[in-house]
Amino acid sequence: MRISKTRGWPAAISASARHLVGAAAAAAILVPALILSGPASSAEIKVGMRDFAAGRGNPYQGCVCSPAIFVWSAIYEQLARVDRAGRAIPVLAESWEATGADKTVWRIKLRPGIKFSNGEPLNAQAVKATYDFLATDEGKTYSQSRTLGVFIAETRVVDELTVEVVTPKPQPVFLKLATTQSIIPPKAFADVGIEGFTNNPIGTGPYLVKFEGENATGTPYLGSWQKRADVDSIKFFVLPEAPARTQALISEQIDINVQLGPDEFEMVKGAGMDLFAAPSTRTMGLSFISTRSGEPVTGPLGDKRVRQALNYAVDKQAIIDNIFGGVGKPASQAAVPNAFGYNSDIEPYPYDPDKARALLAEAGYGDGFEFEARGIVGDANFRFSYEAAIQDLNKIGIKATLIAQTFGGTDGWLEHWIKGDWPYQAFGFGNDLVGHLDGALSFARHISCTKPAPYYCNPDEMPLLEKIYVEFDDDKREAMVREALRANAENAPILFLVEFEETMGFNKKITNFEHINMWIPYSELTVSN
């Protein structure tokens, strides 16, 4: 699908006006597609979301992030989870310690008495089997092998509830890394494999969930170690269009809309619903391909001046005002404000098209060049933001286009993320710190030579990063991360766009509602009549 060089909505049209048009169409066309039985019962909640994860319940594909996290919050658990301040807090693990002279052995104690929903015990063997799969030929085809597997040299069973994870190098934030991989029952996985978990996942979480078509249903796992309030049914519905989700919430056909845009806030509140917002773990941007298939690219994007020019060319504040309703701020770096190491001294690239043109001319590209960006555009705010950026690039002479892209499947985002063979110039991804909220891991996983199949590899940045990766003193590590983010922002590996909030809308009859880095504590929710 090719998207026009100009925005579907002119810059002069405000987000609220755009919403009113979409909402009217949704009421007439999309909401009836919900085959629901009316308002939810007191013990049931209904969740509307844009899409399921490409792998549905496959715990090795994708990450514990949007959209998987909205369903996985009910099913799966990890050794640890990161709180809003970026600290690793115990979940299935009870405690952990880096041991050995070089601190490459993490000894992890598991909580006793936990069972998976199929009755298998949560023990050291389950952790070992979960992690060992990442090193198999099949496991290497999934993204978790590159997200976590590359940081594991060996997993050893010490006793029933003690496991040791050996890292190739000292890894001070291993437990933050481990937040991305859900622990699964080894016998069940040996029996049914990925295919079985895709629609019928098995975890230690408080609910059992089954995927059926565009719906999924969660029922209580009565043997869960987590205390559950009074919600005994969760139904998940895929509603790709934002106006349809909003209308469904307003008409009480769903109770939670997990992906709400700024232009919908007033409508939702005016209908008597409530909002919960927290800083996103993501920054919006277009990541430049300056390394392809392991080699530096030749041409414009290999030149720092060109990457800087593209950052000066885009009016980020206009995107925030016209698309995000004024909520948000221009992104300045590959981290979010609540992440460990975020450098508040870094100023965003200002909107300066004259400087952009001067840098292009200095680099030898005064006449512009071809620039193809691809983005996952199911979220309207992301689509309009990418289109606005493309429009601004065209204004300075760049022959820029945006092409819609899927997450999975042939020629999808995930395929190129794994292979590193990106057949275009940029893709829709600023940075995602979900699960760890650590600026250093932006480099380890995304924007450095450390990432398997990197799209940006600058050897000049690596000496400092290598020191950061092995530093266990938090104060020293934080200072180094701040400096690394400053140097990286100057090198402009990303067209930095917007820092934003993740806002969810919900029916006021739900109490205790919140999300923690998009993870929803379903077992703690209560519903009143």
Protein backbone atom coordinates (compact mmCIF):
# COMPACT_ATOMS: atom_id res chain seq x y z
CA MET A 1 0.00 0.00 0.00
CA ARG A 2 1.52 3.32 -1.07
CA ILE A 3 0.56 6.41 0.88
CA SER A 4 0.41 9.81 -0.81
CA LYS A 5 3.32 12.20 -0.34
CA THR A 6 0.84 14.71 1.06
CA ARG A 7 -1.03 14.11 4.26
CA GLY A 8 -4.48 12.61 4.20
CA TRP A 9 -5.45 15.54 6.46
CA PRO A 10 -4.01 18.98 5.65
CA ALA A 11 -2.02 20.58 8.46
CA ALA A 12 -4.71 23.22 8.86
CA ILE A 13 -7.26 20.61 9.91
CA SER A 14 -7.05 20.12 13.64
CA ALA A 15 -7.05 16.71 15.31
CA SER A 16 -10.47 17.34 16.81
CA ALA A 17 -12.00 18.11 13.42
CA ARG A 18 -10.41 15.01 11.95
CA HIS A 19 -11.89 12.95 14.75
CA LEU A 20 -15.41 14.23 14.27
CA VAL A 21 -15.39 13.13 10.64
CA GLY A 22 -14.00 9.70 11.53
CA ALA A 23 -16.31 9.18 14.46
CA ALA A 24 -19.42 9.86 12.44
CA ALA A 25 -18.39 7.27 9.88
CA ALA A 26 -17.51 4.81 12.61
CA ALA A 27 -20.90 5.03 14.24
CA ALA A 28 -22.57 4.19 10.96
CA ILE A 29 -20.19 1.55 9.63
CA LEU A 30 -17.81 -0.02 12.10
CA VAL A 31 -19.40 -0.33 15.50
CA PRO A 32 -22.16 -2.69 14.34
CA ALA A 33 -19.40 -5.10 13.33
CA LEU A 34 -18.94 -5.79 17.02
CA ILE A 35 -20.94 -8.89 17.75
CA LEU A 36 -21.48 -8.14 21.39
CA SER A 37 -24.27 -8.82 23.81
CA GLY A 38 -24.61 -5.28 25.06
CA PRO A 39 -22.95 -3.76 28.12
CA ALA A 40 -20.56 -5.98 30.02
CA SER A 41 -21.72 -7.81 33.14
CA SER A 42 -20.37 -6.91 36.58
CA ALA A 43 -17.84 -9.75 36.47
CA GLU A 44 -16.76 -9.25 32.88
CA ILE A 45 -14.67 -6.67 31.08
CA LYS A 46 -14.38 -6.17 27.34
CA VAL A 47 -11.21 -4.77 25.81
CA GLY A 48 -10.94 -3.13 22.39
CA MET A 49 -7.59 -3.04 20.62
CA ARG A 50 -6.26 -2.27 17.16
CA ASP A 51 -4.82 -5.71 16.49
CA PHE A 52 -3.42 -8.83 18.08
CA ALA A 53 0.31 -9.49 17.97
CA ALA A 54 1.46 -11.15 14.75
CA GLY A 55 2.27 -14.30 16.72
CA ARG A 56 -0.79 -14.06 18.98
CA GLY A 57 0.24 -16.21 21.94
CA ASN A 58 3.71 -17.12 20.64
CA PRO A 59 5.97 -15.94 23.50
CA TYR A 60 9.09 -15.90 21.31
CA GLN A 61 7.80 -13.60 18.57
CA GLY A 62 7.73 -9.86 19.07
CA CYS A 63 8.04 -8.53 22.60
CA VAL A 64 6.12 -7.80 25.77
CA CYS A 65 4.97 -4.57 24.17
CA SER A 66 2.12 -3.19 22.06
CA PRO A 67 -0.03 -4.90 20.89
CA ALA A 68 0.92 -8.23 22.52
CA ILE A 69 1.12 -6.81 26.03
CA PHE A 70 -2.60 -5.99 26.19
CA VAL A 71 -3.46 -9.71 26.09
CA TRP A 72 -0.26 -11.15 27.51
CA SER A 73 -0.79 -9.15 30.72
CA ALA A 74 -3.48 -11.68 31.54
CA ILE A 75 -1.52 -14.82 30.59
CA TYR A 76 2.21 -14.57 30.89
CA GLU A 77 4.77 -13.61 33.50
CA GLN A 78 8.51 -13.08 33.42
CA LEU A 79 11.29 -13.32 35.97
CA ALA A 80 11.02 -9.58 36.56
CA ARG A 81 9.09 -6.56 35.40
CA VAL A 82 10.16 -2.91 35.22
CA ASP A 83 8.22 -0.29 37.16
CA ARG A 84 7.54 3.27 35.99
CA ALA A 85 10.86 4.45 37.41
CA GLY A 86 12.80 1.90 35.37
CA ARG A 87 13.63 -0.41 38.29
CA ALA A 88 13.52 -4.19 37.87
CA ILE A 89 11.04 -5.64 40.38
CA PRO A 90 10.61 -9.36 41.14
CA VAL A 91 7.77 -11.34 39.55
CA LEU A 92 8.52 -15.05 39.10
CA ALA A 93 11.97 -14.47 40.53
CA GLU A 94 12.18 -13.87 44.26
CA SER A 95 15.73 -12.53 44.27
CA TRP A 96 18.86 -12.37 42.12
CA GLU A 97 22.55 -11.69 42.39
CA ALA A 98 25.45 -11.35 39.96
CA THR A 99 28.19 -13.74 41.10
CA GLY A 100 31.65 -14.82 40.05
CA ALA A 101 34.83 -12.82 39.79
CA ASP A 102 33.65 -11.13 36.60
CA LYS A 103 29.95 -11.10 37.54
CA THR A 104 28.89 -13.08 34.49
CA VAL A 105 26.80 -15.58 36.47
CA TRP A 106 23.36 -14.45 37.61
CA ARG A 107 22.02 -16.69 40.39
CA ILE A 108 18.24 -16.38 40.45
CA LYS A 109 15.92 -17.70 43.17
CA LEU A 110 12.36 -18.44 42.05
CA ARG A 111 9.19 -17.95 44.05
CA PRO A 112 8.03 -21.26 45.54
CA GLY A 113 4.61 -22.82 44.97
CA ILE A 114 3.84 -21.39 41.52
CA LYS A 115 2.29 -23.57 38.84
CA PHE A 116 1.49 -23.01 35.19
CA SER A 117 -2.16 -23.16 34.21
CA ASN A 118 -1.66 -26.74 32.93
CA GLY A 119 -0.39 -27.87 36.34
CA GLU A 120 3.33 -27.99 35.60
CA PRO A 121 5.50 -26.44 38.32
CA LEU A 122 7.37 -23.20 37.82
CA ASN A 123 10.93 -24.31 38.54
CA ALA A 124 14.51 -23.90 37.40
CA GLN A 125 14.04 -26.45 34.61
CA ALA A 126 11.20 -24.37 33.16
CA VAL A 127 13.44 -21.29 33.04
CA LYS A 128 16.27 -23.28 31.49
CA ALA A 129 14.02 -24.80 28.83
CA THR A 130 12.47 -21.42 28.00
CA TYR A 131 15.89 -19.83 27.53
CA ASP A 132 17.53 -22.83 25.83
CA PHE A 133 14.97 -22.70 23.01
CA LEU A 134 16.37 -19.31 21.99
CA ALA A 135 19.60 -21.02 20.88
CA THR A 136 17.91 -23.69 18.75
CA ASP A 137 17.58 -23.43 14.98
CA GLU A 138 13.84 -22.86 15.35
CA GLY A 139 14.28 -20.40 18.20
CA LYS A 140 16.71 -18.31 16.17
CA THR A 141 13.95 -17.55 13.65
CA TYR A 142 12.09 -15.51 16.28
CA SER A 143 12.92 -12.00 17.45
CA GLN A 144 13.49 -12.95 21.09
CA SER A 145 16.65 -14.79 20.09
CA ARG A 146 18.09 -11.39 19.19
CA THR A 147 16.40 -9.43 21.94
CA LEU A 148 17.46 -11.72 24.79
CA GLY A 149 19.16 -14.84 23.42
CA VAL A 150 22.35 -13.03 22.40
CA PHE A 151 22.87 -12.06 26.05
CA ILE A 152 22.76 -15.67 27.30
CA ALA A 153 25.71 -18.05 27.03
CA GLU A 154 24.28 -20.82 29.19
CA THR A 155 21.44 -21.55 31.62
CA ARG A 156 22.08 -24.01 34.47
CA VAL A 157 19.79 -25.69 36.99
CA VAL A 158 21.21 -25.46 40.52
CA ASP A 159 18.22 -26.90 42.37
CA GLU A 160 14.44 -26.94 42.04
CA LEU A 161 14.08 -23.21 42.61
CA THR A 162 17.52 -21.88 41.74
CA VAL A 163 18.79 -21.22 38.25
CA GLU A 164 22.02 -19.70 37.02
CA VAL A 165 22.18 -17.69 33.81
CA VAL A 166 25.65 -17.16 32.39
CA THR A 167 26.14 -14.09 30.23
CA PRO A 168 28.91 -13.83 27.57
CA LYS A 169 30.13 -10.60 29.20
CA PRO A 170 29.32 -8.88 32.49
CA GLN A 171 25.75 -7.68 32.10
CA PRO A 172 24.61 -5.37 34.91
CA VAL A 173 21.02 -5.13 33.64
CA PHE A 174 20.36 -8.77 32.80
CA LEU A 175 17.12 -8.83 34.81
CA LYS A 176 15.84 -5.88 32.80
CA LEU A 177 16.67 -7.80 29.64
CA ALA A 178 14.83 -10.81 31.03
CA THR A 179 11.59 -8.83 31.28
CA THR A 180 11.03 -9.44 27.55
CA GLN A 181 10.78 -13.23 27.76
CA SER A 182 7.79 -14.96 29.33
CA ILE A 183 8.50 -18.26 31.09
CA ILE A 184 6.54 -21.22 29.73
CA PRO A 185 5.93 -24.85 30.80
CA PRO A 186 8.53 -27.14 29.17
CA LYS A 187 6.44 -30.31 28.84
CA ALA A 188 3.51 -28.55 27.22
CA PHE A 189 5.81 -26.70 24.84
CA ALA A 190 7.55 -29.95 23.90
CA ASP A 191 4.14 -31.47 23.13
CA VAL A 192 2.47 -28.67 21.13
CA GLY A 193 5.27 -26.27 20.19
CA ILE A 194 4.83 -22.77 18.79
CA GLU A 195 1.72 -23.79 16.86
CA GLY A 196 -0.06 -24.88 20.01
CA PHE A 197 0.85 -21.75 21.95
CA THR A 198 -0.23 -19.45 19.13
CA ASN A 199 -3.94 -19.75 19.94
CA ASN A 200 -3.83 -21.54 23.31
CA PRO A 201 -0.97 -20.05 25.33
CA ILE A 202 -0.06 -21.43 28.75
CA GLY A 203 1.49 -19.27 31.43
CA THR A 204 1.51 -18.58 35.16
CA GLY A 205 -0.65 -15.45 34.87
CA PRO A 206 -4.10 -15.03 36.44
CA TYR A 207 -6.11 -15.92 33.31
CA LEU A 208 -6.29 -18.60 30.64
CA VAL A 209 -6.77 -17.04 27.21
CA LYS A 210 -7.87 -18.61 23.94
CA PHE A 211 -7.66 -16.84 20.59
CA GLU A 212 -10.49 -17.40 18.13
CA GLY A 213 -10.48 -15.40 14.92
CA GLU A 214 -10.47 -11.69 15.74
CA ASN A 215 -11.49 -12.31 19.35
CA ALA A 216 -9.89 -13.81 22.44
CA THR A 217 -11.43 -14.82 25.76
CA GLY A 218 -9.82 -14.97 29.17
CA THR A 219 -11.17 -17.02 32.06
CA PRO A 220 -9.69 -17.20 35.57
CA TYR A 221 -6.82 -19.55 36.26
CA LEU A 222 -7.95 -20.64 39.70
CA GLY A 223 -4.52 -21.97 40.63
CA SER A 224 -2.76 -18.67 39.99
CA TRP A 225 -0.47 -17.39 42.71
CA GLN A 226 -1.79 -13.90 42.01
CA LYS A 227 -4.83 -12.84 44.00
CA ARG A 228 -7.76 -11.99 41.76
CA ALA A 229 -10.53 -9.50 42.42
CA ASP A 230 -13.98 -10.07 40.89
CA VAL A 231 -13.37 -10.11 37.11
CA ASP A 232 -14.15 -13.63 35.93
CA SER A 233 -14.17 -12.99 32.19
CA ILE A 234 -12.09 -10.84 29.85
CA LYS A 235 -13.02 -10.56 26.20
CA PHE A 236 -10.62 -9.02 23.71
CA PHE A 237 -11.91 -7.59 20.43
CA VAL A 238 -9.88 -6.43 17.44
CA LEU A 239 -11.20 -3.08 16.20
CA PRO A 240 -8.65 -1.74 13.70
CA GLU A 241 -10.19 1.71 13.32
CA ALA A 242 -9.76 4.22 16.16
CA PRO A 243 -13.26 5.77 15.80
CA ALA A 244 -14.82 2.31 16.09
CA ARG A 245 -13.02 1.67 19.37
CA THR A 246 -14.05 5.05 20.73
CA GLN A 247 -17.71 4.60 19.76
CA ALA A 248 -17.70 1.12 21.25
CA LEU A 249 -16.39 2.53 24.54
CA ILE A 250 -18.91 5.38 24.60
CA SER A 251 -21.79 2.99 23.86
CA GLU A 252 -20.49 0.57 26.55
CA GLN A 253 -19.93 -2.24 24.08
CA ILE A 254 -16.37 -2.37 25.41
CA ASP A 255 -15.08 -1.28 28.80
CA ILE A 256 -11.47 -0.45 27.92
CA ASN A 257 -9.96 1.14 24.83
CA VAL A 258 -6.23 0.48 25.14
CA GLN A 259 -5.20 2.74 22.25
CA LEU A 260 -6.82 6.15 22.53
CA GLY A 261 -5.68 9.19 20.53
CA PRO A 262 -5.51 12.78 21.85
CA ASP A 263 -8.30 13.88 19.52
CA GLU A 264 -10.66 11.47 21.29
CA PHE A 265 -10.06 12.56 24.90
CA GLU A 266 -12.82 15.16 25.18
CA MET A 267 -15.40 12.95 23.48
CA VAL A 268 -14.61 10.07 25.83
CA LYS A 269 -14.71 12.25 28.95
CA GLY A 270 -17.88 13.97 27.73
CA ALA A 271 -19.58 10.58 27.53
CA GLY A 272 -18.81 9.92 31.20
CA MET A 273 -15.81 7.65 30.67
CA ASP A 274 -12.40 8.07 32.27
CA LEU A 275 -8.81 8.29 31.04
CA PHE A 276 -5.53 6.94 32.36
CA ALA A 277 -2.33 8.37 30.88
CA ALA A 278 1.31 7.64 31.57
CA PRO A 279 4.51 8.52 29.70
CA SER A 280 5.12 6.19 26.80
CA THR A 281 8.08 3.85 26.75
CA ARG A 282 8.38 4.71 23.04
CA THR A 283 9.53 7.69 21.06
CA MET A 284 8.08 8.28 17.62
CA GLY A 285 10.55 8.63 14.78
CA LEU A 286 11.87 7.38 11.46
CA SER A 287 15.04 5.35 11.87
CA PHE A 288 17.56 5.82 9.08
CA ILE A 289 19.22 2.84 7.41
CA SER A 290 22.91 3.78 7.54
CA THR A 291 24.06 0.15 7.87
CA ARG A 292 22.66 -2.60 5.67
CA SER A 293 23.50 -6.30 5.76
CA GLY A 294 26.43 -5.55 8.05
CA GLU A 295 28.02 -2.89 5.83
CA PRO A 296 27.89 0.93 5.95
CA VAL A 297 25.59 2.31 3.28
CA THR A 298 26.97 4.45 0.49
CA GLY A 299 25.03 7.54 -0.43
CA PRO A 300 23.28 10.28 1.50
CA LEU A 301 22.27 8.53 4.71
CA GLY A 302 25.85 7.49 5.35
CA ASP A 303 26.61 11.18 5.90
CA LYS A 304 25.85 12.66 9.33
CA ARG A 305 25.16 16.06 7.79
CA VAL A 306 22.33 14.61 5.72
CA ARG A 307 20.76 12.88 8.72
CA GLN A 308 21.00 16.12 10.69
CA ALA A 309 19.47 18.03 7.77
CA LEU A 310 16.43 15.76 7.73
CA ASN A 311 15.96 16.42 11.45
CA TYR A 312 16.06 20.20 10.90
CA ALA A 313 13.59 19.86 8.02
CA VAL A 314 10.62 18.56 10.03
CA ASP A 315 8.34 20.76 12.14
CA LYS A 316 7.78 18.49 15.15
CA GLN A 317 5.78 21.05 17.10
CA ALA A 318 3.29 21.30 14.24
CA ILE A 319 2.87 17.52 14.41
CA ILE A 320 2.21 17.77 18.15
CA ASP A 321 -0.25 20.65 17.76
CA ASN A 322 -2.18 19.37 14.73
CA ILE A 323 -2.14 15.61 15.34
CA PHE A 324 -1.59 15.11 19.06
CA GLY A 325 -3.80 17.98 20.19
CA GLY A 326 -0.84 19.78 21.74
CA VAL A 327 -0.03 16.84 24.05
CA GLY A 328 3.60 15.78 23.81
CA LYS A 329 6.98 17.34 23.06
CA PRO A 330 9.58 17.07 20.32
CA ALA A 331 11.80 14.02 20.79
CA SER A 332 15.48 14.76 21.32
CA GLN A 333 17.18 11.40 21.84
CA ALA A 334 16.89 7.62 21.81
CA ALA A 335 15.32 7.44 25.27
CA VAL A 336 12.19 8.61 27.07
CA PRO A 337 12.08 11.05 30.01
CA ASN A 338 11.46 8.40 32.69
CA ALA A 339 14.24 6.10 31.42
CA PHE A 340 17.51 5.49 33.22
CA GLY A 341 20.14 7.81 31.76
CA TYR A 342 17.79 10.19 29.93
CA ASN A 343 19.70 13.39 29.24
CA SER A 344 17.43 16.38 29.81
CA ASP A 345 20.19 18.72 28.61
CA ILE A 346 19.84 17.53 25.00
CA GLU A 347 17.80 20.00 22.97
CA PRO A 348 15.58 18.71 20.15
CA TYR A 349 16.59 19.63 16.62
CA PRO A 350 14.70 22.89 15.95
CA TYR A 351 12.63 23.41 12.83
CA ASP A 352 15.04 25.16 10.48
CA PRO A 353 14.49 24.30 6.79
CA ASP A 354 17.13 26.82 5.68
CA LYS A 355 19.77 25.08 7.77
CA ALA A 356 18.54 21.75 6.41
CA ARG A 357 19.06 22.94 2.83
CA ALA A 358 22.51 24.33 3.68
CA LEU A 359 23.62 21.01 5.20
CA LEU A 360 22.33 19.08 2.18
CA ALA A 361 24.25 21.38 -0.15
CA GLU A 362 27.41 21.06 1.96
CA ALA A 363 27.12 17.27 1.78
CA GLY A 364 26.66 17.38 -2.00
CA TYR A 365 22.92 16.70 -2.08
CA GLY A 366 21.59 20.18 -2.79
CA ASP A 367 19.31 18.76 -5.47
CA GLY A 368 17.82 16.20 -3.07
CA PHE A 369 17.67 12.43 -3.38
CA GLU A 370 15.21 9.55 -3.38
CA PHE A 371 14.01 8.63 0.12
CA GLU A 372 11.59 5.79 0.79
CA ALA A 373 10.32 5.25 4.32
CA ARG A 374 8.07 2.44 5.44
CA GLY A 375 5.87 2.47 8.49
CA ILE A 376 3.26 0.45 10.34
CA VAL A 377 0.37 2.88 10.03
CA GLY A 378 -2.56 1.14 11.72
CA ASP A 379 -2.47 3.85 14.39
CA ALA A 380 -3.84 7.02 12.77
CA ASN A 381 -1.64 9.31 14.87
CA PHE A 382 1.47 7.50 13.70
CA ARG A 383 0.31 7.53 10.10
CA PHE A 384 -0.46 11.25 10.07
CA SER A 385 2.82 12.01 11.86
CA TYR A 386 4.87 10.05 9.36
CA GLU A 387 3.00 11.71 6.50
CA ALA A 388 3.64 15.15 7.98
CA ALA A 389 7.35 14.37 8.21
CA ILE A 390 7.40 13.14 4.60
CA GLN A 391 5.61 16.30 3.49
CA ASP A 392 8.20 18.49 5.20
CA LEU A 393 11.06 16.53 3.63
CA ASN A 394 9.56 17.12 0.21
CA LYS A 395 9.52 20.85 0.91
CA ILE A 396 13.33 20.95 1.04
CA GLY A 397 13.74 18.97 -2.17
CA ILE A 398 13.89 15.39 -0.86
CA LYS A 399 11.92 13.05 -3.11
CA ALA A 400 10.30 11.33 -0.16
CA THR A 401 7.56 8.70 -0.06
CA LEU A 402 5.91 6.69 2.70
CA ILE A 403 4.78 3.11 2.14
CA ALA A 404 2.58 1.21 4.58
CA GLN A 405 4.17 -1.88 6.08
CA THR A 406 2.98 -4.85 8.12
CA PHE A 407 4.71 -6.01 11.29
CA GLY A 408 5.02 -9.69 10.35
CA GLY A 409 4.85 -11.75 7.17
CA THR A 410 6.90 -11.64 3.99
CA ASP A 411 8.68 -8.30 3.57
CA GLY A 412 7.26 -7.16 6.91
CA TRP A 413 9.06 -5.06 9.51
CA LEU A 414 10.07 -8.07 11.62
CA GLU A 415 11.69 -9.89 8.70
CA HIS A 416 14.02 -7.00 7.96
CA TRP A 417 14.64 -6.33 11.67
CA ILE A 418 15.97 -9.87 11.98
CA LYS A 419 17.90 -9.98 8.70
CA GLY A 420 19.14 -6.40 8.61
CA ASP A 421 18.70 -6.24 4.82
CA TRP A 422 16.38 -3.20 4.78
CA PRO A 423 15.55 -2.49 1.07
CA TYR A 424 14.62 1.15 1.72
CA GLN A 425 16.03 4.22 3.46
CA ALA A 426 14.09 4.46 6.74
CA PHE A 427 11.43 2.73 8.79
CA GLY A 428 8.87 3.90 11.32
CA PHE A 429 10.56 3.34 14.66
CA GLY A 430 12.05 5.88 17.02
CA ASN A 431 12.89 3.74 20.01
CA ASP A 432 11.07 1.40 22.34
CA LEU A 433 12.27 0.99 25.90
CA VAL A 434 9.30 -1.10 27.03
CA GLY A 435 10.29 -3.73 29.54
CA HIS A 436 13.52 -2.09 30.61
CA LEU A 437 13.33 1.76 30.54
CA ASP A 438 17.11 1.88 30.35
CA GLY A 439 18.91 4.21 27.97
CA ALA A 440 21.87 1.85 27.68
CA LEU A 441 19.63 -0.87 26.29
CA SER A 442 18.52 1.46 23.50
CA PHE A 443 22.05 0.98 22.22
CA ALA A 444 22.38 -2.70 23.04
CA ARG A 445 19.16 -3.60 21.26
CA HIS A 446 18.61 -0.91 18.67
CA ILE A 447 20.99 1.84 17.64
CA SER A 448 24.54 0.52 17.79
CA CYS A 449 26.85 -2.11 16.35
CA THR A 450 25.80 -4.33 19.28
CA LYS A 451 22.38 -5.05 17.78
CA PRO A 452 22.43 -8.22 15.71
CA ALA A 453 21.91 -7.16 12.08
CA PRO A 454 22.26 -3.45 12.90
CA TYR A 455 20.72 -0.63 10.90
CA TYR A 456 23.03 1.92 12.54
CA CYS A 457 26.61 1.07 13.47
CA ASN A 458 29.03 3.82 14.41
CA PRO A 459 32.39 2.42 15.62
CA ASP A 460 33.23 5.78 17.18
CA GLU A 461 30.41 5.35 19.70
CA MET A 462 31.39 1.82 20.73
CA PRO A 463 34.27 2.43 23.23
CA LEU A 464 31.94 4.31 25.59
CA LEU A 465 29.13 1.83 25.06
CA GLU A 466 31.40 -1.11 25.86
CA LYS A 467 32.23 0.54 29.19
CA ILE A 468 28.55 1.15 29.91
CA TYR A 469 27.63 -2.47 29.20
CA VAL A 470 29.88 -3.79 31.99
CA GLU A 471 29.54 -1.03 34.61
CA PHE A 472 27.66 -2.18 37.74
CA ASP A 473 27.87 1.14 39.60
CA ASP A 474 24.57 2.89 38.81
CA ASP A 475 25.87 6.44 39.27
CA LYS A 476 28.82 5.89 36.96
CA ARG A 477 26.71 4.05 34.43
CA GLU A 478 24.04 6.77 34.39
CA ALA A 479 26.60 9.51 33.72
CA MET A 480 28.04 7.49 30.84
CA VAL A 481 24.61 6.77 29.37
CA ARG A 482 23.80 10.48 29.39
CA GLU A 483 27.00 11.20 27.47
CA ALA A 484 26.35 8.35 25.02
CA LEU A 485 22.87 9.68 24.29
CA ARG A 486 24.29 13.16 23.67
CA ALA A 487 26.86 11.88 21.17
CA ASN A 488 24.30 9.68 19.49
CA ALA A 489 21.78 12.51 19.12
CA GLU A 490 24.44 14.60 17.40
CA ASN A 491 25.06 11.74 14.97
CA ALA A 492 21.31 11.71 14.21
CA PRO A 493 20.64 8.02 13.48
CA ILE A 494 16.91 8.75 13.75
CA LEU A 495 14.59 11.44 12.49
CA PHE A 496 13.42 12.24 16.02
CA LEU A 497 9.72 13.16 16.07
CA VAL A 498 7.59 13.05 19.24
CA GLU A 499 7.66 12.05 22.90
CA PHE A 500 4.07 11.20 23.83
CA GLU A 501 1.85 9.57 26.45
CA GLU A 502 0.06 6.24 26.29
CA THR A 503 -3.57 6.98 27.14
CA MET A 504 -6.30 4.42 27.67
CA GLY A 505 -10.00 5.09 28.05
CA PHE A 506 -12.15 3.06 30.40
CA ASN A 507 -15.62 2.84 31.87
CA LYS A 508 -15.81 4.45 35.32
CA LYS A 509 -17.41 1.34 36.75
CA ILE A 510 -13.92 -0.21 36.62
CA THR A 511 -11.93 0.64 39.72
CA ASN A 512 -8.18 0.33 40.26
CA PHE A 513 -7.55 0.79 36.55
CA GLU A 514 -4.02 1.67 35.51
CA HIS A 515 -1.32 0.55 33.13
CA ILE A 516 2.33 0.22 34.04
CA ASN A 517 4.34 0.68 30.87
CA MET A 518 1.20 -0.61 29.07
CA TRP A 519 0.99 -3.73 31.26
CA ILE A 520 -2.55 -3.95 32.68
CA PRO A 521 -3.03 -5.65 36.09
CA TYR A 522 -6.30 -7.36 35.15
CA SER A 523 -6.38 -9.45 38.34
CA GLU A 524 -6.59 -6.27 40.45
CA LEU A 525 -9.53 -4.72 38.61
CA THR A 526 -12.99 -4.61 40.10
CA VAL A 527 -16.25 -3.80 38.33
CA SER A 528 -19.25 -2.17 39.97
CA ASN A 529 -22.79 -1.93 38.61
